[in-house]
Amino acid sequence: DFATPRAILTGHDYEITCATICAELGLVISGSKEGPCLIHSMNGDLLRTLEVPETLEGPENCLRPKLIQASREGHCVIYYENGLFCVFSVNGRLQATMETDDKIK
């Protein structure tokens, strides 16, 4: 038997650098090298774009997501390459931010 994809997720213009699945909420959240993080339904529908306000962007003027984790309560934590943590609601609203100089892996 051949494995077939359940859904094809579209919307990123560059390679995917991180992704997570929240099965409890039926969501897939992904981040790309040069773009925003996207929230898709498990069926492949694009639901939201998670964008950081321009005032928080670094000197490169582009935040690159490195790690993403979602909770069953509807929060999404994203760690960006420049040391910025952002917490979003699944509705796309920025809840909190924090900067760190530590290397997170």
N, C-alpha and C. Protein backbone atom coordinates (compact mmCIF):
# COMPACT_ATOMS: atom_id res chain seq x y z
N ASP A 1 0.83 -1.18 0.00
CA ASP A 1 0.00 0.00 0.00
C ASP A 1 0.88 1.25 0.00
N PHE A 2 0.35 2.29 -0.63
CA PHE A 2 1.04 3.57 -0.66
C PHE A 2 0.41 4.52 0.33
N ALA A 3 1.24 5.22 1.04
CA ALA A 3 0.75 6.23 1.98
C ALA A 3 0.35 7.47 1.19
N THR A 4 -0.80 8.02 1.50
CA THR A 4 -1.24 9.25 0.84
C THR A 4 -1.43 10.33 1.90
N PRO A 5 -1.17 11.57 1.55
CA PRO A 5 -1.33 12.64 2.54
C PRO A 5 -2.79 12.85 2.91
N ARG A 6 -3.00 13.16 4.14
CA ARG A 6 -4.35 13.47 4.62
C ARG A 6 -4.81 14.83 4.13
N ALA A 7 -3.86 15.76 4.04
CA ALA A 7 -4.13 17.11 3.55
C ALA A 7 -2.84 17.72 3.06
N ILE A 8 -2.95 18.66 2.15
CA ILE A 8 -1.80 19.42 1.68
C ILE A 8 -1.96 20.84 2.19
N LEU A 9 -0.97 21.28 2.95
CA LEU A 9 -1.02 22.60 3.55
C LEU A 9 -0.27 23.59 2.66
N THR A 10 -0.90 24.70 2.36
CA THR A 10 -0.29 25.70 1.49
C THR A 10 -0.24 27.04 2.22
N GLY A 11 0.56 27.95 1.67
CA GLY A 11 0.60 29.30 2.22
C GLY A 11 1.99 29.83 2.47
N HIS A 12 2.97 28.96 2.66
CA HIS A 12 4.34 29.43 2.88
C HIS A 12 5.03 29.64 1.54
N ASP A 13 5.87 30.67 1.48
CA ASP A 13 6.64 30.95 0.28
C ASP A 13 8.06 30.38 0.36
N TYR A 14 8.48 29.99 1.56
CA TYR A 14 9.84 29.47 1.77
C TYR A 14 9.76 28.16 2.53
N GLU A 15 10.92 27.52 2.71
CA GLU A 15 10.96 26.22 3.36
C GLU A 15 10.46 26.28 4.81
N ILE A 16 9.83 25.21 5.25
CA ILE A 16 9.30 25.09 6.60
C ILE A 16 10.47 24.80 7.54
N THR A 17 10.57 25.56 8.63
CA THR A 17 11.65 25.36 9.59
C THR A 17 11.17 24.70 10.87
N CYS A 18 9.87 24.79 11.16
CA CYS A 18 9.33 24.17 12.36
C CYS A 18 7.82 23.97 12.20
N ALA A 19 7.30 22.99 12.91
CA ALA A 19 5.86 22.71 12.84
C ALA A 19 5.45 21.94 14.08
N THR A 20 4.17 22.04 14.40
CA THR A 20 3.60 21.26 15.50
C THR A 20 2.16 20.94 15.16
N ILE A 21 1.66 19.87 15.77
CA ILE A 21 0.27 19.47 15.59
C ILE A 21 -0.40 19.48 16.95
N CYS A 22 -1.56 20.10 17.02
CA CYS A 22 -2.38 20.08 18.23
C CYS A 22 -3.63 19.26 17.90
N ALA A 23 -3.55 17.96 18.16
CA ALA A 23 -4.65 17.06 17.80
C ALA A 23 -5.93 17.39 18.56
N GLU A 24 -5.80 17.87 19.80
CA GLU A 24 -6.99 18.20 20.60
C GLU A 24 -7.83 19.29 19.95
N LEU A 25 -7.17 20.24 19.31
CA LEU A 25 -7.87 21.35 18.66
C LEU A 25 -7.98 21.18 17.15
N GLY A 26 -7.35 20.14 16.62
CA GLY A 26 -7.40 19.88 15.19
C GLY A 26 -6.63 20.91 14.37
N LEU A 27 -5.46 21.33 14.89
CA LEU A 27 -4.68 22.38 14.24
C LEU A 27 -3.27 21.92 13.90
N VAL A 28 -2.73 22.48 12.83
CA VAL A 28 -1.33 22.32 12.45
C VAL A 28 -0.76 23.73 12.38
N ILE A 29 0.34 23.98 13.10
CA ILE A 29 0.98 25.29 13.11
C ILE A 29 2.38 25.13 12.56
N SER A 30 2.74 25.96 11.60
CA SER A 30 4.05 25.83 10.96
C SER A 30 4.68 27.20 10.76
N GLY A 31 6.01 27.20 10.72
CA GLY A 31 6.77 28.43 10.49
C GLY A 31 7.76 28.21 9.37
N SER A 32 7.98 29.26 8.57
CA SER A 32 8.90 29.12 7.44
C SER A 32 10.11 30.02 7.61
N LYS A 33 11.11 29.78 6.80
CA LYS A 33 12.40 30.46 6.91
C LYS A 33 12.30 31.98 6.81
N GLU A 34 11.51 32.50 5.93
CA GLU A 34 11.43 33.95 5.72
C GLU A 34 10.01 34.49 5.85
N GLY A 35 9.18 33.81 6.58
CA GLY A 35 7.80 34.29 6.61
C GLY A 35 7.12 34.08 7.95
N PRO A 36 5.85 34.39 8.00
CA PRO A 36 5.11 34.26 9.26
C PRO A 36 4.77 32.80 9.56
N CYS A 37 4.27 32.56 10.76
CA CYS A 37 3.77 31.24 11.12
C CYS A 37 2.30 31.17 10.70
N LEU A 38 1.88 30.00 10.27
CA LEU A 38 0.52 29.81 9.79
C LEU A 38 -0.18 28.74 10.61
N ILE A 39 -1.49 28.92 10.81
CA ILE A 39 -2.33 27.92 11.47
C ILE A 39 -3.27 27.35 10.41
N HIS A 40 -3.23 26.02 10.27
CA HIS A 40 -4.12 25.29 9.36
C HIS A 40 -5.00 24.35 10.15
N SER A 41 -6.15 24.03 9.60
CA SER A 41 -6.96 22.96 10.17
C SER A 41 -6.35 21.64 9.70
N MET A 42 -6.75 20.54 10.31
CA MET A 42 -6.24 19.23 9.91
C MET A 42 -6.69 18.88 8.49
N ASN A 43 -7.70 19.55 7.99
CA ASN A 43 -8.19 19.32 6.63
C ASN A 43 -7.39 20.10 5.59
N GLY A 44 -6.51 21.00 6.05
CA GLY A 44 -5.68 21.76 5.15
C GLY A 44 -6.12 23.19 4.92
N ASP A 45 -7.19 23.63 5.57
CA ASP A 45 -7.67 25.00 5.41
C ASP A 45 -6.77 25.96 6.18
N LEU A 46 -6.36 27.04 5.52
CA LEU A 46 -5.58 28.08 6.19
C LEU A 46 -6.51 28.91 7.05
N LEU A 47 -6.25 28.95 8.36
CA LEU A 47 -7.13 29.65 9.30
C LEU A 47 -6.59 31.01 9.72
N ARG A 48 -5.32 31.10 10.07
CA ARG A 48 -4.75 32.33 10.61
C ARG A 48 -3.28 32.46 10.22
N THR A 49 -2.83 33.70 10.29
CA THR A 49 -1.41 34.03 10.17
C THR A 49 -0.97 34.66 11.47
N LEU A 50 0.11 34.15 12.04
CA LEU A 50 0.65 34.68 13.29
C LEU A 50 1.83 35.58 12.96
N GLU A 51 1.59 36.88 13.02
CA GLU A 51 2.64 37.84 12.69
C GLU A 51 3.00 38.66 13.92
N VAL A 52 4.30 38.86 14.07
CA VAL A 52 4.83 39.67 15.16
C VAL A 52 4.79 41.13 14.72
N PRO A 53 4.39 42.05 15.59
CA PRO A 53 4.39 43.47 15.22
C PRO A 53 5.78 43.92 14.76
N GLU A 54 5.82 44.85 13.82
CA GLU A 54 7.10 45.33 13.27
C GLU A 54 8.01 45.92 14.34
N THR A 55 7.44 46.44 15.41
CA THR A 55 8.25 47.03 16.47
C THR A 55 9.10 46.00 17.19
N LEU A 56 8.73 44.70 17.11
CA LEU A 56 9.49 43.65 17.78
C LEU A 56 10.49 42.97 16.87
N GLU A 57 10.47 43.27 15.60
CA GLU A 57 11.38 42.62 14.67
C GLU A 57 12.80 43.11 14.88
N GLY A 58 13.75 42.21 14.65
CA GLY A 58 15.15 42.52 14.89
C GLY A 58 15.78 43.35 13.79
N PRO A 59 17.09 43.52 13.87
CA PRO A 59 17.82 44.33 12.90
C PRO A 59 17.75 43.76 11.49
N GLU A 60 17.56 42.46 11.37
CA GLU A 60 17.45 41.84 10.05
C GLU A 60 16.10 42.14 9.43
N ASN A 61 15.17 42.67 10.22
CA ASN A 61 13.82 43.00 9.79
C ASN A 61 13.01 41.79 9.35
N CYS A 62 13.43 40.60 9.79
CA CYS A 62 12.66 39.40 9.51
C CYS A 62 12.90 38.41 10.64
N LEU A 63 11.85 37.98 11.28
CA LEU A 63 11.96 36.99 12.35
C LEU A 63 11.84 35.60 11.75
N ARG A 64 12.78 34.75 12.12
CA ARG A 64 12.77 33.37 11.62
C ARG A 64 12.37 32.44 12.75
N PRO A 65 11.21 31.80 12.65
CA PRO A 65 10.79 30.88 13.70
C PRO A 65 11.68 29.64 13.73
N LYS A 66 12.03 29.23 14.94
CA LYS A 66 12.91 28.08 15.11
C LYS A 66 12.19 26.92 15.80
N LEU A 67 11.36 27.23 16.79
CA LEU A 67 10.61 26.21 17.53
C LEU A 67 9.17 26.67 17.72
N ILE A 68 8.23 25.73 17.64
CA ILE A 68 6.81 26.02 17.87
C ILE A 68 6.23 24.93 18.75
N GLN A 69 5.40 25.32 19.69
CA GLN A 69 4.66 24.35 20.50
C GLN A 69 3.26 24.90 20.78
N ALA A 70 2.26 24.06 20.67
CA ALA A 70 0.88 24.46 20.92
C ALA A 70 0.34 23.70 22.13
N SER A 71 -0.56 24.34 22.85
CA SER A 71 -1.19 23.68 24.00
C SER A 71 -2.64 23.36 23.68
N ARG A 72 -3.20 22.43 24.40
CA ARG A 72 -4.61 22.08 24.19
C ARG A 72 -5.55 23.18 24.66
N GLU A 73 -5.02 24.14 25.42
CA GLU A 73 -5.83 25.28 25.87
C GLU A 73 -5.93 26.37 24.82
N GLY A 74 -5.19 26.24 23.72
CA GLY A 74 -5.30 27.21 22.64
C GLY A 74 -4.22 28.26 22.62
N HIS A 75 -3.05 27.96 23.20
CA HIS A 75 -1.92 28.89 23.15
C HIS A 75 -0.82 28.30 22.28
N CYS A 76 -0.12 29.18 21.60
CA CYS A 76 0.98 28.77 20.75
C CYS A 76 2.22 29.56 21.16
N VAL A 77 3.29 28.85 21.50
CA VAL A 77 4.56 29.50 21.87
C VAL A 77 5.52 29.33 20.70
N ILE A 78 6.09 30.44 20.26
CA ILE A 78 7.04 30.41 19.15
C ILE A 78 8.35 31.02 19.62
N TYR A 79 9.44 30.33 19.35
CA TYR A 79 10.77 30.83 19.63
C TYR A 79 11.43 31.18 18.30
N TYR A 80 11.90 32.42 18.19
CA TYR A 80 12.53 32.90 16.97
C TYR A 80 14.05 32.89 17.12
N GLU A 81 14.77 32.81 16.00
CA GLU A 81 16.23 32.74 15.98
C GLU A 81 16.91 33.83 16.77
N ASN A 82 16.34 35.03 16.82
CA ASN A 82 16.99 36.16 17.49
C ASN A 82 16.77 36.17 19.01
N GLY A 83 16.17 35.11 19.58
CA GLY A 83 15.99 35.02 21.02
C GLY A 83 14.65 35.54 21.51
N LEU A 84 13.72 35.77 20.62
CA LEU A 84 12.40 36.28 21.00
C LEU A 84 11.41 35.14 21.16
N PHE A 85 10.73 35.11 22.30
CA PHE A 85 9.62 34.19 22.52
C PHE A 85 8.33 34.98 22.35
N CYS A 86 7.35 34.41 21.67
CA CYS A 86 6.03 35.02 21.55
C CYS A 86 4.97 33.99 21.87
N VAL A 87 3.94 34.41 22.58
CA VAL A 87 2.79 33.56 22.86
C VAL A 87 1.59 34.15 22.14
N PHE A 88 0.96 33.34 21.31
CA PHE A 88 -0.22 33.74 20.57
C PHE A 88 -1.42 32.89 21.00
N SER A 89 -2.61 33.45 20.87
CA SER A 89 -3.81 32.63 20.99
C SER A 89 -4.03 32.00 19.62
N VAL A 90 -4.84 30.95 19.55
CA VAL A 90 -5.11 30.32 18.26
C VAL A 90 -5.96 31.23 17.37
N ASN A 91 -6.46 32.32 17.93
CA ASN A 91 -7.19 33.31 17.14
C ASN A 91 -6.23 34.30 16.48
N GLY A 92 -4.92 34.15 16.73
CA GLY A 92 -3.93 34.99 16.09
C GLY A 92 -3.52 36.21 16.88
N ARG A 93 -4.02 36.34 18.08
CA ARG A 93 -3.70 37.52 18.90
C ARG A 93 -2.43 37.29 19.70
N LEU A 94 -1.52 38.27 19.63
CA LEU A 94 -0.27 38.20 20.41
C LEU A 94 -0.60 38.42 21.88
N GLN A 95 -0.24 37.46 22.74
CA GLN A 95 -0.55 37.52 24.16
C GLN A 95 0.61 38.06 25.00
N ALA A 96 1.83 37.63 24.66
CA ALA A 96 3.00 38.03 25.46
C ALA A 96 4.27 37.83 24.65
N THR A 97 5.32 38.56 25.04
CA THR A 97 6.64 38.40 24.42
C THR A 97 7.70 38.42 25.50
N MET A 98 8.85 37.82 25.19
CA MET A 98 9.98 37.83 26.10
C MET A 98 11.25 37.60 25.27
N GLU A 99 12.30 38.34 25.57
CA GLU A 99 13.56 38.17 24.88
C GLU A 99 14.57 37.48 25.81
N THR A 100 15.43 36.66 25.21
CA THR A 100 16.45 35.97 25.98
C THR A 100 17.75 35.92 25.17
N ASP A 101 18.87 35.91 25.87
CA ASP A 101 20.16 35.78 25.22
C ASP A 101 20.63 34.32 25.19
N ASP A 102 19.87 33.43 25.84
CA ASP A 102 20.23 32.02 25.90
C ASP A 102 20.02 31.34 24.55
N LYS A 103 20.80 30.31 24.29
CA LYS A 103 20.63 29.49 23.09
C LYS A 103 19.62 28.38 23.41
N ILE A 104 18.48 28.41 22.79
CA ILE A 104 17.44 27.43 23.03
C ILE A 104 17.48 26.39 21.94
N LYS A 105 17.46 25.12 22.32
CA LYS A 105 17.48 24.02 21.34
C LYS A 105 16.34 23.08 21.61
